[in-house]
Amino acid sequence: MEVYAKRLSRITIGLIILTIAVYILRGVGILTFIPGGVIYLLFFGAIACGVLSKLARRLRW
């Protein structure tokens, strides 16, 4: 299941980049309509995908 772990790694990186972009754009004032809870969901989603990716690589389903 190495493909599964690689896919989760790509999703993790994508979520981290998206979270940083939204956070910066919200701070600048361009995306002020997005609530802070959405940023938290993106952040915790990236953490969850990262943990699952590491588990998938370690367990080698």
C-alpha atoms as a PDB file:
ATOM      1  CA  MET A   1       0.000   0.000   0.000  1.00  0.00           C
ATOM      2  CA  GLU A   2       2.860   2.351  -0.720  1.00  0.00           C
ATOM      3  CA  VAL A   3       0.638   4.104  -3.262  1.00  0.00           C
ATOM      4  CA  TYR A   4      -1.869   4.867  -0.493  1.00  0.00           C
ATOM      5  CA  ALA A   5       0.866   6.391   1.679  1.00  0.00           C
ATOM      6  CA  LYS A   6       2.181   8.502  -1.195  1.00  0.00           C
ATOM      7  CA  ARG A   7      -1.314   9.742  -1.988  1.00  0.00           C
ATOM      8  CA  LEU A   8      -1.841  10.724   1.649  1.00  0.00           C
ATOM      9  CA  SER A   9       1.500  12.536   1.624  1.00  0.00           C
ATOM     10  CA  ARG A  10       0.435  14.553  -1.421  1.00  0.00           C
ATOM     11  CA  ILE A  11      -2.897  15.384   0.193  1.00  0.00           C
ATOM     12  CA  THR A  12      -1.084  16.465   3.366  1.00  0.00           C
ATOM     13  CA  ILE A  13       1.226  18.793   1.460  1.00  0.00           C
ATOM     14  CA  GLY A  14      -1.691  20.195  -0.508  1.00  0.00           C
ATOM     15  CA  LEU A  15      -3.700  20.860   2.651  1.00  0.00           C
ATOM     16  CA  ILE A  16      -0.744  22.566   4.312  1.00  0.00           C
ATOM     17  CA  ILE A  17      -0.206  24.827   1.293  1.00  0.00           C
ATOM     18  CA  LEU A  18      -3.933  25.606   1.084  1.00  0.00           C
ATOM     19  CA  THR A  19      -4.098  26.362   4.812  1.00  0.00           C
ATOM     20  CA  ILE A  20      -1.125  28.729   4.655  1.00  0.00           C
ATOM     21  CA  ALA A  21      -2.540  30.483   1.591  1.00  0.00           C
ATOM     22  CA  VAL A  22      -5.973  30.956   3.199  1.00  0.00           C
ATOM     23  CA  TYR A  23      -4.393  32.125   6.458  1.00  0.00           C
ATOM     24  CA  ILE A  24      -2.233  34.718   4.695  1.00  0.00           C
ATOM     25  CA  LEU A  25      -5.025  35.945   2.417  1.00  0.00           C
ATOM     26  CA  ARG A  26      -7.386  36.224   5.376  1.00  0.00           C
ATOM     27  CA  GLY A  27      -4.785  38.181   7.328  1.00  0.00           C
ATOM     28  CA  VAL A  28      -4.239  40.572   4.430  1.00  0.00           C
ATOM     29  CA  GLY A  29      -7.979  41.137   4.206  1.00  0.00           C
ATOM     30  CA  ILE A  30      -8.784  39.503   0.893  1.00  0.00           C
ATOM     31  CA  LEU A  31     -10.628  36.479   2.309  1.00  0.00           C
ATOM     32  CA  THR A  32     -12.266  38.078   5.334  1.00  0.00           C
ATOM     33  CA  PHE A  33     -15.539  36.186   4.834  1.00  0.00           C
ATOM     34  CA  ILE A  34     -13.945  32.825   5.721  1.00  0.00           C
ATOM     35  CA  PRO A  35     -14.485  31.986   9.409  1.00  0.00           C
ATOM     36  CA  GLY A  36     -11.601  30.927  11.614  1.00  0.00           C
ATOM     37  CA  GLY A  37     -13.157  27.493  12.051  1.00  0.00           C
ATOM     38  CA  VAL A  38     -12.454  26.699   8.408  1.00  0.00           C
ATOM     39  CA  ILE A  39      -8.769  27.413   8.946  1.00  0.00           C
ATOM     40  CA  TYR A  40      -8.782  25.132  11.994  1.00  0.00           C
ATOM     41  CA  LEU A  41     -10.453  22.371   9.965  1.00  0.00           C
ATOM     42  CA  LEU A  42      -7.843  22.676   7.225  1.00  0.00           C
ATOM     43  CA  PHE A  43      -5.039  22.639   9.792  1.00  0.00           C
ATOM     44  CA  PHE A  44      -6.334  19.602  11.673  1.00  0.00           C
ATOM     45  CA  GLY A  45      -7.139  17.842   8.394  1.00  0.00           C
ATOM     46  CA  ALA A  46      -3.515  18.256   7.328  1.00  0.00           C
ATOM     47  CA  ILE A  47      -2.333  16.856  10.656  1.00  0.00           C
ATOM     48  CA  ALA A  48      -4.698  13.877  10.377  1.00  0.00           C
ATOM     49  CA  CYS A  49      -3.566  13.093   6.819  1.00  0.00           C
ATOM     50  CA  GLY A  50       0.069  13.340   7.879  1.00  0.00           C
ATOM     51  CA  VAL A  51      -0.454  10.932  10.767  1.00  0.00           C
ATOM     52  CA  LEU A  52      -2.337   8.481   8.536  1.00  0.00           C
ATOM     53  CA  SER A  53       0.422   8.709   5.938  1.00  0.00           C
ATOM     54  CA  LYS A  54       3.098   7.864   8.477  1.00  0.00           C
ATOM     55  CA  LEU A  55       1.013   4.990   9.849  1.00  0.00           C
ATOM     56  CA  ALA A  56       0.442   3.614   6.351  1.00  0.00           C
ATOM     57  CA  ARG A  57       4.170   3.651   5.640  1.00  0.00           C
ATOM     58  CA  ARG A  58       5.035   2.103   8.985  1.00  0.00           C
ATOM     59  CA  LEU A  59       2.393  -0.633   8.974  1.00  0.00           C
ATOM     60  CA  ARG A  60       2.839  -1.605   5.295  1.00  0.00           C
ATOM     61  CA  TRP A  61      -0.681  -2.905   4.837  1.00  0.00           C
END
